[in-house]
C-alpha atoms as a PDB file:
ATOM      1  CA  MET A   1      -7.941  -8.343 -96.402  1.00  0.00           C
ATOM      2  CA  LEU A   2      -8.943  -9.336 -92.790  1.00  0.00           C
ATOM      3  CA  ILE A   3     -10.994  -5.925 -92.719  1.00  0.00           C
ATOM      4  CA  LYS A   4     -12.853  -6.796 -95.706  1.00  0.00           C
ATOM      5  CA  ILE A   5     -13.849 -10.127 -94.364  1.00  0.00           C
ATOM      6  CA  VAL A   6     -14.957  -8.492 -90.855  1.00  0.00           C
ATOM      7  CA  TRP A   7     -17.091  -6.119 -92.615  1.00  0.00           C
ATOM      8  CA  THR A   8     -18.710  -8.355 -94.764  1.00  0.00           C
ATOM      9  CA  LEU A   9     -19.624 -10.735 -92.114  1.00  0.00           C
ATOM     10  CA  ALA A  10     -20.698  -7.805 -90.039  1.00  0.00           C
ATOM     11  CA  GLY A  11     -23.121  -6.878 -92.891  1.00  0.00           C
ATOM     12  CA  GLY A  12     -24.497 -10.383 -93.244  1.00  0.00           C
ATOM     13  CA  ILE A  13     -25.464 -10.409 -89.434  1.00  0.00           C
ATOM     14  CA  LEU A  14     -26.620  -7.341 -89.730  1.00  0.00           C
ATOM     15  CA  GLY A  15     -28.838  -8.067 -92.953  1.00  0.00           C
ATOM     16  CA  PHE A  16     -30.064 -11.515 -91.119  1.00  0.00           C
ATOM     17  CA  ALA A  17     -30.729  -9.334 -87.720  1.00  0.00           C
ATOM     18  CA  TYR A  18     -33.010  -6.692 -89.786  1.00  0.00           C
ATOM     19  CA  TYR A  19     -35.128  -9.484 -91.394  1.00  0.00           C
ATOM     20  CA  LYS A  20     -35.479 -11.369 -87.758  1.00  0.00           C
ATOM     21  CA  PHE A  21     -36.246  -7.892 -85.562  1.00  0.00           C
ATOM     22  CA  ILE A  22     -37.833  -5.959 -88.299  1.00  0.00           C
ATOM     23  CA  GLY A  23     -38.473  -7.603 -91.419  1.00  0.00           C
ATOM     24  CA  CYS A  24     -41.741  -7.654 -93.269  1.00  0.00           C
ATOM     25  CA  THR A  25     -44.414 -10.068 -92.120  1.00  0.00           C
ATOM     26  CA  ASN A  26     -46.990 -10.533 -94.408  1.00  0.00           C
ATOM     27  CA  GLY A  27     -44.636 -11.295 -97.444  1.00  0.00           C
ATOM     28  CA  THR A  28     -44.729  -8.189 -99.872  1.00  0.00           C
ATOM     29  CA  CYS A  29     -41.316  -6.448 -99.025  1.00  0.00           C
ATOM     30  CA  PRO A  30     -38.896  -8.166-101.476  1.00  0.00           C
ATOM     31  CA  ILE A  31     -35.825  -7.736 -99.588  1.00  0.00           C
ATOM     32  CA  THR A  32     -36.986  -8.109 -95.950  1.00  0.00           C
ATOM     33  CA  SER A  33     -39.618 -10.990 -96.019  1.00  0.00           C
ATOM     34  CA  ASN A  34     -36.629 -13.687 -97.139  1.00  0.00           C
ATOM     35  CA  PRO A  35     -33.872 -14.502 -94.726  1.00  0.00           C
ATOM     36  CA  TYR A  36     -31.497 -15.360 -97.551  1.00  0.00           C
ATOM     37  CA  ILE A  37     -32.114 -12.117 -99.511  1.00  0.00           C
ATOM     38  CA  SER A  38     -31.926 -10.092 -96.355  1.00  0.00           C
ATOM     39  CA  THR A  39     -28.605 -11.555 -95.562  1.00  0.00           C
ATOM     40  CA  LEU A  40     -26.852 -11.484 -99.040  1.00  0.00           C
ATOM     41  CA  TYR A  41     -27.710  -7.977 -99.231  1.00  0.00           C
ATOM     42  CA  GLY A  42     -26.378  -7.545 -95.867  1.00  0.00           C
ATOM     43  CA  LEU A  43     -23.347  -9.071 -96.952  1.00  0.00           C
ATOM     44  CA  PHE A  44     -23.263  -6.862-100.401  1.00  0.00           C
ATOM     45  CA  ILE A  45     -23.381  -3.734 -98.362  1.00  0.00           C
ATOM     46  CA  GLY A  46     -21.048  -4.865 -95.760  1.00  0.00           C
ATOM     47  CA  ALA A  47     -18.426  -5.432 -98.840  1.00  0.00           C
ATOM     48  CA  MET A  48     -19.230  -2.264-100.201  1.00  0.00           C
ATOM     49  CA  LEU A  49     -18.750  -0.351 -97.366  1.00  0.00           C
ATOM     50  CA  SER A  50     -15.398  -2.319 -96.328  1.00  0.00           C
ATOM     51  CA  GLY A  51     -13.763  -0.347 -99.399  1.00  0.00           C
ATOM     52  CA  LEU A  52     -14.360   3.099 -97.502  1.00  0.00           C
ATOM     53  CA  PHE A  53     -11.656   1.610 -94.677  1.00  0.00           C
ATOM     54  CA  LYS A  54      -8.578   0.667 -96.513  1.00  0.00           C
END
């Protein structure tokens, strides 16, 4: 369970970092123009990747 939490949190942090450093500035990118959506997307991807390492 701890591995799943760590991967999910890491995904959220990376999702926010992607928004902060690479994200779209003009607002036309649906995922990277909003920090909340980018972080949630990262959390989702992290949770899905955590299932690979059981």
